[in-house]
Amino acid sequence: MSTMPEAYEFFDHTADIGVHIYGVTLEDLFRNAALALSQAIGELQKTEIRKQRTLELQTGSLEDLLHDWLAELLYEVEVHHILYNDIEFTKLTSGCLVAKLGGTSIDFSRSNANEEIKAVTYHQLRVEPQPDGSWRATVILDV
């Protein structure tokens, strides 16, 4: 089994944030994508209020699934002020994701947010298996 040198790396992209995401497994890739999104949003201070939910997504491709996954997590941060960082995938295939999410409410008054992320884009969106069996994805975040 190979080990990945890093979970994700940001790259320069005109007026947006680009990120390459890595994972030994598909679950690692999706978990690391959530971590990258969290870092792109900023240093978020959490409260003691715990939240849990189950998320189910169905799409036609891995790219659509990764897009919808990150868009849902971004929605939770922006609208409900919840950062889900405890993730357990109960199903993850090329077109279906079921995850149990645990997280905490965000105290934005104590947080150091970066530029507001408006959306997860489809521009240059890729999810690719690597020759060693690991995974790599490219995502562009609209700021």
Protein backbone atom coordinates (compact mmCIF):
# COMPACT_ATOMS: atom_id res chain seq x y z
CA MET A 1 0.00 0.00 0.00
CA SER A 2 1.37 3.39 -0.96
CA THR A 3 1.35 6.44 1.24
CA MET A 4 0.45 9.85 -0.02
CA PRO A 5 2.91 12.68 0.65
CA GLU A 6 0.05 15.06 1.45
CA ALA A 7 -3.72 15.18 1.59
CA TYR A 8 -4.10 18.22 -0.68
CA GLU A 9 -2.22 21.18 -2.14
CA PHE A 10 -3.51 24.54 -3.26
CA PHE A 11 -2.42 26.02 -6.58
CA ASP A 12 -2.75 29.44 -8.18
CA HIS A 13 -5.81 29.97 -10.34
CA THR A 14 -6.92 33.33 -11.69
CA ALA A 15 -9.38 34.91 -9.22
CA ASP A 16 -10.25 31.49 -7.75
CA ILE A 17 -8.76 28.86 -5.47
CA GLY A 18 -7.49 25.66 -7.05
CA VAL A 19 -6.73 22.51 -5.11
CA HIS A 20 -5.30 19.10 -5.98
CA ILE A 21 -6.62 16.47 -3.57
CA TYR A 22 -5.08 13.07 -2.91
CA GLY A 23 -6.26 9.88 -1.26
CA VAL A 24 -5.03 6.34 -0.88
CA THR A 25 -8.69 5.30 -1.15
CA LEU A 26 -11.77 7.01 -2.54
CA GLU A 27 -12.95 7.62 1.04
CA ASP A 28 -9.61 9.30 1.83
CA LEU A 29 -9.99 11.49 -1.25
CA PHE A 30 -13.47 12.70 -0.25
CA ARG A 31 -12.41 13.20 3.39
CA ASN A 32 -9.32 15.17 2.28
CA ALA A 33 -11.49 17.26 -0.04
CA ALA A 34 -13.59 18.24 2.99
CA LEU A 35 -10.40 19.18 4.87
CA ALA A 36 -9.17 21.29 1.95
CA LEU A 37 -12.51 23.11 1.75
CA SER A 38 -12.36 23.82 5.47
CA GLN A 39 -8.85 25.26 5.18
CA ALA A 40 -9.85 27.37 2.16
CA ILE A 41 -12.71 28.86 4.18
CA GLY A 42 -10.30 29.86 6.97
CA GLU A 43 -9.45 29.21 10.61
CA LEU A 44 -12.88 28.47 12.03
CA GLN A 45 -13.49 28.59 15.77
CA LYS A 46 -16.02 26.04 16.93
CA THR A 47 -18.55 26.19 19.73
CA GLU A 48 -19.56 23.37 22.06
CA ILE A 49 -22.78 22.78 20.11
CA ARG A 50 -22.55 19.36 18.41
CA LYS A 51 -24.56 18.46 15.32
CA GLN A 52 -25.08 15.16 13.53
CA ARG A 53 -26.74 14.22 10.28
CA THR A 54 -26.75 11.66 7.52
CA LEU A 55 -26.05 12.87 4.00
CA GLU A 56 -27.10 10.93 0.92
CA LEU A 57 -26.13 11.99 -2.61
CA GLN A 58 -26.74 10.30 -5.96
CA THR A 59 -25.16 11.50 -9.21
CA GLY A 60 -24.04 10.25 -12.58
CA SER A 61 -20.26 10.43 -12.07
CA LEU A 62 -17.49 10.73 -9.51
CA GLU A 63 -16.90 14.32 -10.59
CA ASP A 64 -20.55 15.21 -9.97
CA LEU A 65 -20.42 13.38 -6.64
CA LEU A 66 -17.32 15.28 -5.48
CA HIS A 67 -18.87 18.57 -6.61
CA ASP A 68 -22.14 17.90 -4.79
CA TRP A 69 -20.29 16.68 -1.67
CA LEU A 70 -18.25 19.86 -1.39
CA ALA A 71 -21.21 22.07 -2.32
CA GLU A 72 -23.28 20.49 0.46
CA LEU A 73 -20.49 20.98 3.02
CA LEU A 74 -20.06 24.60 1.91
CA TYR A 75 -23.82 25.15 2.21
CA GLU A 76 -23.76 23.81 5.78
CA VAL A 77 -20.98 26.26 6.72
CA GLU A 78 -22.53 29.28 4.99
CA VAL A 79 -26.21 28.77 5.85
CA HIS A 80 -26.28 26.71 9.05
CA HIS A 81 -22.81 27.69 10.40
CA ILE A 82 -21.88 24.06 10.96
CA LEU A 83 -18.49 22.52 10.17
CA TYR A 84 -18.77 18.76 9.73
CA ASN A 85 -15.32 17.29 10.35
CA ASP A 86 -16.21 13.84 11.70
CA ILE A 87 -17.04 11.85 8.57
CA GLU A 88 -17.93 8.17 8.29
CA PHE A 89 -18.77 6.90 4.84
CA THR A 90 -21.25 4.03 4.88
CA LYS A 91 -21.39 3.92 1.06
CA LEU A 92 -19.20 5.54 -1.58
CA THR A 93 -19.36 4.42 -5.19
CA SER A 94 -19.02 6.23 -8.53
CA GLY A 95 -22.57 7.57 -8.28
CA CYS A 96 -23.67 7.29 -4.65
CA LEU A 97 -22.47 8.67 -1.33
CA VAL A 98 -23.94 7.99 2.10
CA ALA A 99 -22.11 9.50 5.05
CA LYS A 100 -22.72 10.01 8.75
CA LEU A 101 -21.53 13.51 9.63
CA GLY A 102 -20.63 14.92 13.00
CA GLY A 103 -19.60 18.49 13.59
CA THR A 104 -19.91 21.64 15.60
CA SER A 105 -21.40 25.08 15.20
CA ILE A 106 -19.00 27.81 14.09
CA ASP A 107 -18.44 31.03 16.01
CA PHE A 108 -17.68 33.41 13.14
CA SER A 109 -17.07 36.30 15.57
CA ARG A 110 -13.91 34.47 16.76
CA SER A 111 -12.94 32.95 13.39
CA ASN A 112 -10.41 34.15 10.85
CA ALA A 113 -12.24 33.61 7.58
CA ASN A 114 -10.50 33.89 4.21
CA GLU A 115 -12.22 35.21 1.13
CA GLU A 116 -15.81 34.05 0.86
CA ILE A 117 -16.16 30.94 -1.27
CA LYS A 118 -19.14 31.49 -3.54
CA ALA A 119 -19.28 28.06 -5.13
CA VAL A 120 -17.61 24.79 -6.02
CA THR A 121 -17.18 24.95 -9.78
CA TYR A 122 -17.19 22.35 -12.54
CA HIS A 123 -14.24 24.13 -14.22
CA GLN A 124 -11.31 21.66 -14.52
CA LEU A 125 -13.10 19.29 -12.11
CA ARG A 126 -11.49 15.85 -12.29
CA VAL A 127 -11.42 12.68 -10.20
CA GLU A 128 -8.85 10.18 -11.42
CA PRO A 129 -7.59 6.82 -10.22
CA GLN A 130 -3.80 6.64 -10.22
CA PRO A 131 -1.67 3.70 -11.45
CA ASP A 132 -0.83 2.71 -7.86
CA GLY A 133 -4.54 2.47 -6.96
CA SER A 134 -4.68 5.81 -5.15
CA TRP A 135 -6.85 8.76 -6.21
CA ARG A 136 -6.29 12.35 -7.32
CA ALA A 137 -8.82 15.12 -7.85
CA THR A 138 -8.70 18.72 -9.04
CA VAL A 139 -11.25 21.24 -7.78
CA ILE A 140 -11.64 24.99 -8.42
CA LEU A 141 -13.44 27.08 -5.79
CA ASP A 142 -15.05 30.34 -6.92
CA VAL A 143 -14.20 33.25 -4.60
